[in-house]
PDB file of N, CA and C in Angstrom:
ATOM      1  N   UNK A   1     339.119-103.209 218.165  1.00  0.00           N
ATOM      2  CA  UNK A   1     338.439-101.919 218.217  1.00  0.00           C
ATOM      3  C   UNK A   1     337.449-101.943 219.382  1.00  0.00           C
ATOM      4  N   UNK A   2     337.816-101.209 220.381  1.00  0.00           N
ATOM      5  CA  UNK A   2     336.985-101.127 221.573  1.00  0.00           C
ATOM      6  C   UNK A   2     336.381 -99.732 221.646  1.00  0.00           C
ATOM      7  N   UNK A   3     335.116 -99.684 221.967  1.00  0.00           N
ATOM      8  CA  UNK A   3     334.434 -98.398 222.105  1.00  0.00           C
ATOM      9  C   UNK A   3     334.582 -97.888 223.535  1.00  0.00           C
ATOM     10  N   UNK A   4     334.630 -96.577 223.691  1.00  0.00           N
ATOM     11  CA  UNK A   4     334.682 -96.029 225.058  1.00  0.00           C
ATOM     12  C   UNK A   4     333.417 -96.408 225.835  1.00  0.00           C
ATOM     13  N   UNK A   5     333.551 -96.529 227.132  1.00  0.00           N
ATOM     14  CA  UNK A   5     332.447 -96.969 227.982  1.00  0.00           C
ATOM     15  C   UNK A   5     331.268 -96.013 227.913  1.00  0.00           C
ATOM     16  N   UNK A   6     331.510 -94.718 227.719  1.00  0.00           N
ATOM     17  CA  UNK A   6     330.408 -93.753 227.709  1.00  0.00           C
ATOM     18  C   UNK A   6     329.488 -93.967 226.519  1.00  0.00           C
ATOM     19  N   UNK A   7     329.993 -94.550 225.442  1.00  0.00           N
ATOM     20  CA  UNK A   7     329.159 -94.858 224.278  1.00  0.00           C
ATOM     21  C   UNK A   7     328.085 -95.874 224.667  1.00  0.00           C
ATOM     22  N   UNK A   8     328.458 -96.873 225.461  1.00  0.00           N
ATOM     23  CA  UNK A   8     327.494 -97.863 225.914  1.00  0.00           C
ATOM     24  C   UNK A   8     326.413 -97.223 226.788  1.00  0.00           C
ATOM     25  N   UNK A   9     326.819 -96.291 227.629  1.00  0.00           N
ATOM     26  CA  UNK A   9     325.846 -95.580 228.470  1.00  0.00           C
ATOM     27  C   UNK A   9     324.887 -94.740 227.626  1.00  0.00           C
ATOM     28  N   UNK A  10     325.400 -94.111 226.599  1.00  0.00           N
ATOM     29  CA  UNK A  10     324.549 -93.299 225.719  1.00  0.00           C
ATOM     30  C   UNK A  10     323.536 -94.200 225.004  1.00  0.00           C
ATOM     31  N   UNK A  11     323.990 -95.320 224.505  1.00  0.00           N
ATOM     32  CA  UNK A  11     323.084 -96.250 223.812  1.00  0.00           C
ATOM     33  C   UNK A  11     322.034 -96.784 224.789  1.00  0.00           C
ATOM     34  N   UNK A  12     322.445 -97.145 225.990  1.00  0.00           N
ATOM     35  CA  UNK A  12     321.502 -97.625 227.004  1.00  0.00           C
ATOM     36  C   UNK A  12     320.492 -96.528 227.340  1.00  0.00           C
ATOM     37  N   UNK A  13     320.964 -95.297 227.437  1.00  0.00           N
ATOM     38  CA  UNK A  13     320.069 -94.170 227.718  1.00  0.00           C
ATOM     39  C   UNK A  13     319.032 -93.969 226.618  1.00  0.00           C
ATOM     40  N   UNK A  14     319.430 -94.154 225.396  1.00  0.00           N
ATOM     41  CA  UNK A  14     318.504 -94.024 224.267  1.00  0.00           C
ATOM     42  C   UNK A  14     317.406 -95.085 224.371  1.00  0.00           C
ATOM     43  N   UNK A  15     317.790 -96.320 224.664  1.00  0.00           N
ATOM     44  CA  UNK A  15     316.792 -97.393 224.791  1.00  0.00           C
ATOM     45  C   UNK A  15     315.853 -97.158 225.967  1.00  0.00           C
ATOM     46  N   UNK A  16     316.407 -96.722 227.091  1.00  0.00           N
ATOM     47  CA  UNK A  16     315.561 -96.446 228.260  1.00  0.00           C
ATOM     48  C   UNK A  16     314.609 -95.299 227.950  1.00  0.00           C
ATOM     49  N   UNK A  17     315.096 -94.279 227.297  1.00  0.00           N
ATOM     50  CA  UNK A  17     314.254 -93.140 226.941  1.00  0.00           C
ATOM     51  C   UNK A  17     313.126 -93.547 226.002  1.00  0.00           C
ATOM     52  N   UNK A  18     313.423 -94.374 225.026  1.00  0.00           N
ATOM     53  CA  UNK A  18     312.399 -94.842 224.090  1.00  0.00           C
ATOM     54  C   UNK A  18     311.355 -95.683 224.820  1.00  0.00           C
ATOM     55  N   UNK A  19     311.796 -96.560 225.715  1.00  0.00           N
ATOM     56  CA  UNK A  19     310.878 -97.383 226.487  1.00  0.00           C
ATOM     57  C   UNK A  19     309.951 -96.511 227.335  1.00  0.00           C
ATOM     58  N   UNK A  20     310.502 -95.518 228.010  1.00  0.00           N
ATOM     59  CA  UNK A  20     309.696 -94.639 228.859  1.00  0.00           C
ATOM     60  C   UNK A  20     308.714 -93.808 228.025  1.00  0.00           C
ATOM     61  N   UNK A  21     309.126 -93.395 226.838  1.00  0.00           N
ATOM     62  CA  UNK A  21     308.230 -92.621 225.969  1.00  0.00           C
ATOM     63  C   UNK A  21     307.039 -93.471 225.544  1.00  0.00           C
ATOM     64  N   UNK A  22     307.278 -94.721 225.178  1.00  0.00           N
ATOM     65  CA  UNK A  22     306.195 -95.616 224.768  1.00  0.00           C
ATOM     66  C   UNK A  22     305.276 -95.902 225.953  1.00  0.00           C
ATOM     67  N   UNK A  23     305.848 -96.161 227.106  1.00  0.00           N
ATOM     68  CA  UNK A  23     305.073 -96.449 228.312  1.00  0.00           C
ATOM     69  C   UNK A  23     304.189 -95.259 228.689  1.00  0.00           C
ATOM     70  N   UNK A  24     304.749 -94.063 228.668  1.00  0.00           N
ATOM     71  CA  UNK A  24     303.987 -92.858 229.012  1.00  0.00           C
ATOM     72  C   UNK A  24     302.884 -92.592 228.005  1.00  0.00           C
ATOM     73  N   UNK A  25     303.151 -92.792 226.734  1.00  0.00           N
ATOM     74  CA  UNK A  25     302.130 -92.586 225.705  1.00  0.00           C
ATOM     75  C   UNK A  25     300.970 -93.551 225.906  1.00  0.00           C
ATOM     76  N   UNK A  26     301.254 -94.789 226.242  1.00  0.00           N
ATOM     77  CA  UNK A  26     300.204 -95.791 226.476  1.00  0.00           C
ATOM     78  C   UNK A  26     299.360 -95.392 227.689  1.00  0.00           C
ATOM     79  N   UNK A  27     300.005 -94.963 228.767  1.00  0.00           N
ATOM     80  CA  UNK A  27     299.270 -94.546 229.968  1.00  0.00           C
ATOM     81  C   UNK A  27     298.403 -93.320 229.679  1.00  0.00           C
ATOM     82  N   UNK A  28     298.942 -92.368 228.943  1.00  0.00           N
ATOM     83  CA  UNK A  28     298.166 -91.172 228.584  1.00  0.00           C
ATOM     84  C   UNK A  28     296.946 -91.537 227.746  1.00  0.00           C
ATOM     85  N   UNK A  29     297.122 -92.461 226.818  1.00  0.00           N
ATOM     86  CA  UNK A  29     296.021 -92.905 225.973  1.00  0.00           C
ATOM     87  C   UNK A  29     294.919 -93.550 226.817  1.00  0.00           C
ATOM     88  N   UNK A  30     295.303 -94.356 227.794  1.00  0.00           N
ATOM     89  CA  UNK A  30     294.318 -95.001 228.666  1.00  0.00           C
ATOM     90  C   UNK A  30     293.559 -93.971 229.498  1.00  0.00           C
ATOM     91  N   UNK A  31     294.273 -92.999 230.057  1.00  0.00           N
ATOM     92  CA  UNK A  31     293.627 -91.956 230.859  1.00  0.00           C
ATOM     93  C   UNK A  31     292.677 -91.136 229.985  1.00  0.00           C
ATOM     94  N   UNK A  32     293.109 -90.811 228.787  1.00  0.00           N
ATOM     95  CA  UNK A  32     292.266 -90.045 227.876  1.00  0.00           C
ATOM     96  C   UNK A  32     291.017 -90.825 227.493  1.00  0.00           C
ATOM     97  N   UNK A  33     291.159 -92.132 227.265  1.00  0.00           N
ATOM     98  CA  UNK A  33     290.009 -92.965 226.915  1.00  0.00           C
ATOM     99  C   UNK A  33     289.005 -93.012 228.068  1.00  0.00           C
ATOM    100  N   UNK A  34     289.490 -93.121 229.297  1.00  0.00           N
ATOM    101  CA  UNK A  34     288.602 -93.118 230.458  1.00  0.00           C
ATOM    102  C   UNK A  34     287.855 -91.790 230.549  1.00  0.00           C
ATOM    103  N   UNK A  35     288.553 -90.687 230.302  1.00  0.00           N
ATOM    104  CA  UNK A  35     287.922 -89.369 230.368  1.00  0.00           C
ATOM    105  C   UNK A  35     286.850 -89.237 229.280  1.00  0.00           C
ATOM    106  N   UNK A  36     287.152 -89.717 228.087  1.00  0.00           N
ATOM    107  CA  UNK A  36     286.188 -89.650 226.981  1.00  0.00           C
ATOM    108  C   UNK A  36     284.941 -90.462 227.327  1.00  0.00           C
ATOM    109  N   UNK A  37     285.122 -91.644 227.886  1.00  0.00           N
ATOM    110  CA  UNK A  37     283.979 -92.469 228.260  1.00  0.00           C
ATOM    111  C   UNK A  37     283.136 -91.780 229.335  1.00  0.00           C
ATOM    112  N   UNK A  38     283.792 -91.167 230.313  1.00  0.00           N
ATOM    113  CA  UNK A  38     283.071 -90.464 231.384  1.00  0.00           C
ATOM    114  C   UNK A  38     282.261 -89.302 230.810  1.00  0.00           C
ATOM    115  N   UNK A  39     282.884 -88.516 229.953  1.00  0.00           N
ATOM    116  CA  UNK A  39     282.177 -87.383 229.351  1.00  0.00           C
ATOM    117  C   UNK A  39     281.036 -87.855 228.453  1.00  0.00           C
ATOM    118  N   UNK A  40     281.224 -88.979 227.785  1.00  0.00           N
ATOM    119  CA  UNK A  40     280.160 -89.537 226.954  1.00  0.00           C
ATOM    120  C   UNK A  40     278.955 -89.950 227.786  1.00  0.00           C
ATOM    121  N   UNK A  41     279.225 -90.520 228.958  1.00  0.00           N
ATOM    122  CA  UNK A  41     278.131 -90.897 229.852  1.00  0.00           C
ATOM    123  C   UNK A  41     277.376 -89.664 230.336  1.00  0.00           C
ATOM    124  N   UNK A  42     278.099 -88.603 230.674  1.00  0.00           N
ATOM    125  CA  UNK A  42     277.461 -87.355 231.110  1.00  0.00           C
ATOM    126  C   UNK A  42     276.596 -86.797 229.977  1.00  0.00           C
ATOM    127  N   UNK A  43     277.117 -86.812 228.761  1.00  0.00           N
ATOM    128  CA  UNK A  43     276.374 -86.296 227.613  1.00  0.00           C
ATOM    129  C   UNK A  43     275.109 -87.104 227.387  1.00  0.00           C
ATOM    130  N   UNK A  44     275.220 -88.438 227.444  1.00  0.00           N
ATOM    131  CA  UNK A  44     274.050 -89.289 227.227  1.00  0.00           C
ATOM    132  C   UNK A  44     273.005 -89.057 228.318  1.00  0.00           C
ATOM    133  N   UNK A  45     273.448 -88.850 229.538  1.00  0.00           N
ATOM    134  CA  UNK A  45     272.517 -88.576 230.635  1.00  0.00           C
ATOM    135  C   UNK A  45     271.770 -87.266 230.368  1.00  0.00           C
ATOM    136  N   UNK A  46     272.492 -86.252 229.941  1.00  0.00           N
ATOM    137  CA  UNK A  46     271.859 -84.967 229.626  1.00  0.00           C
ATOM    138  C   UNK A  46     270.867 -85.111 228.477  1.00  0.00           C
ATOM    139  N   UNK A  47     271.211 -85.903 227.482  1.00  0.00           N
ATOM    140  CA  UNK A  47     270.304 -86.119 226.348  1.00  0.00           C
ATOM    141  C   UNK A  47     269.027 -86.823 226.805  1.00  0.00           C
ATOM    142  N   UNK A  48     269.162 -87.828 227.671  1.00  0.00           N
ATOM    143  CA  UNK A  48     267.986 -88.530 228.182  1.00  0.00           C
ATOM    144  C   UNK A  48     267.109 -87.589 229.005  1.00  0.00           C
ATOM    145  N   UNK A  49     267.732 -86.749 229.834  1.00  0.00           N
ATOM    146  CA  UNK A  49     266.964 -85.783 230.635  1.00  0.00           C
ATOM    147  C   UNK A  49     266.226 -84.798 229.732  1.00  0.00           C
ATOM    148  N   UNK A  50     266.891 -84.326 228.688  1.00  0.00           N
ATOM    149  CA  UNK A  50     266.252 -83.395 227.747  1.00  0.00           C
ATOM    150  C   UNK A  50     265.110 -84.082 227.008  1.00  0.00           C
ATOM    151  N   UNK A  51     265.295 -85.335 226.635  1.00  0.00           N
ATOM    152  CA  UNK A  51     264.250 -86.090 225.954  1.00  0.00           C
ATOM    153  C   UNK A  51     263.023 -86.234 226.860  1.00  0.00           C
ATOM    154  N   UNK A  52     263.254 -86.556 228.124  1.00  0.00           N
ATOM    155  CA  UNK A  52     262.145 -86.680 229.075  1.00  0.00           C
ATOM    156  C   UNK A  52     261.443 -85.335 229.281  1.00  0.00           C
ATOM    157  N   UNK A  53     262.238 -84.270 229.373  1.00  0.00           N
ATOM    158  CA  UNK A  53     261.656 -82.938 229.570  1.00  0.00           C
ATOM    159  C   UNK A  53     260.774 -82.561 228.384  1.00  0.00           C
ATOM    160  N   UNK A  54     261.265 -82.806 227.176  1.00  0.00           N
ATOM    161  CA  UNK A  54     260.475 -82.491 225.979  1.00  0.00           C
ATOM    162  C   UNK A  54     259.218 -83.347 225.896  1.00  0.00           C
ATOM    163  N   UNK A  55     259.343 -84.595 226.313  1.00  0.00           N
ATOM    164  CA  UNK A  55     258.190 -85.492 226.314  1.00  0.00           C
ATOM    165  C   UNK A  55     257.126 -84.965 227.279  1.00  0.00           C
ATOM    166  N   UNK A  56     257.545 -84.515 228.467  1.00  0.00           N
ATOM    167  CA  UNK A  56     256.605 -83.971 229.441  1.00  0.00           C
ATOM    168  C   UNK A  56     255.958 -82.687 228.933  1.00  0.00           C
ATOM    169  N   UNK A  57     256.746 -81.819 228.301  1.00  0.00           N
ATOM    170  CA  UNK A  57     256.205 -80.570 227.762  1.00  0.00           C
ATOM    171  C   UNK A  57     255.210 -80.892 226.656  1.00  0.00           C
ATOM    172  N   UNK A  58     255.520 -81.826 225.790  1.00  0.00           N
ATOM    173  CA  UNK A  58     254.639 -82.211 224.690  1.00  0.00           C
ATOM    174  C   UNK A  58     253.338 -82.810 225.217  1.00  0.00           C
ATOM    175  N   UNK A  59     253.429 -83.638 226.233  1.00  0.00           N
ATOM    176  CA  UNK A  59     252.231 -84.227 226.829  1.00  0.00           C
ATOM    177  C   UNK A  59     251.374 -83.158 227.498  1.00  0.00           C
ATOM    178  N   UNK A  60     252.002 -82.177 228.132  1.00  0.00           N
ATOM    179  CA  UNK A  60     251.249 -81.093 228.793  1.00  0.00           C
ATOM    180  C   UNK A  60     250.534 -80.231 227.754  1.00  0.00           C
ATOM    181  N   UNK A  61     251.170 -80.020 226.600  1.00  0.00           N
ATOM    182  CA  UNK A  61     250.549 -79.206 225.565  1.00  0.00           C
ATOM    183  C   UNK A  61     249.374 -79.940 224.916  1.00  0.00           C
ATOM    184  N   UNK A  62     249.469 -81.262 224.801  1.00  0.00           N
ATOM    185  CA  UNK A  62     248.410 -82.041 224.160  1.00  0.00           C
ATOM    186  C   UNK A  62     247.252 -82.344 225.104  1.00  0.00           C
ATOM    187  N   UNK A  63     247.450 -82.159 226.397  1.00  0.00           N
ATOM    188  CA  UNK A  63     246.374 -82.497 227.357  1.00  0.00           C
ATOM    189  C   UNK A  63     245.378 -81.391 227.513  1.00  0.00           C
TER     190      UNK A  63
END
């Protein structure tokens, strides 16, 4: 019982497709993680600036 050659190509295509899907998902996850970290740094910077601004306003009101 021999299978037609195109069956082997279809099976190979399925494996290649699965490999590429996993690879792309991993790359997307890494890019998304980098973006989240960058946005987190921006948010923390804004929070520190707001904290300093409030501290200055509070000191000006108490002086």
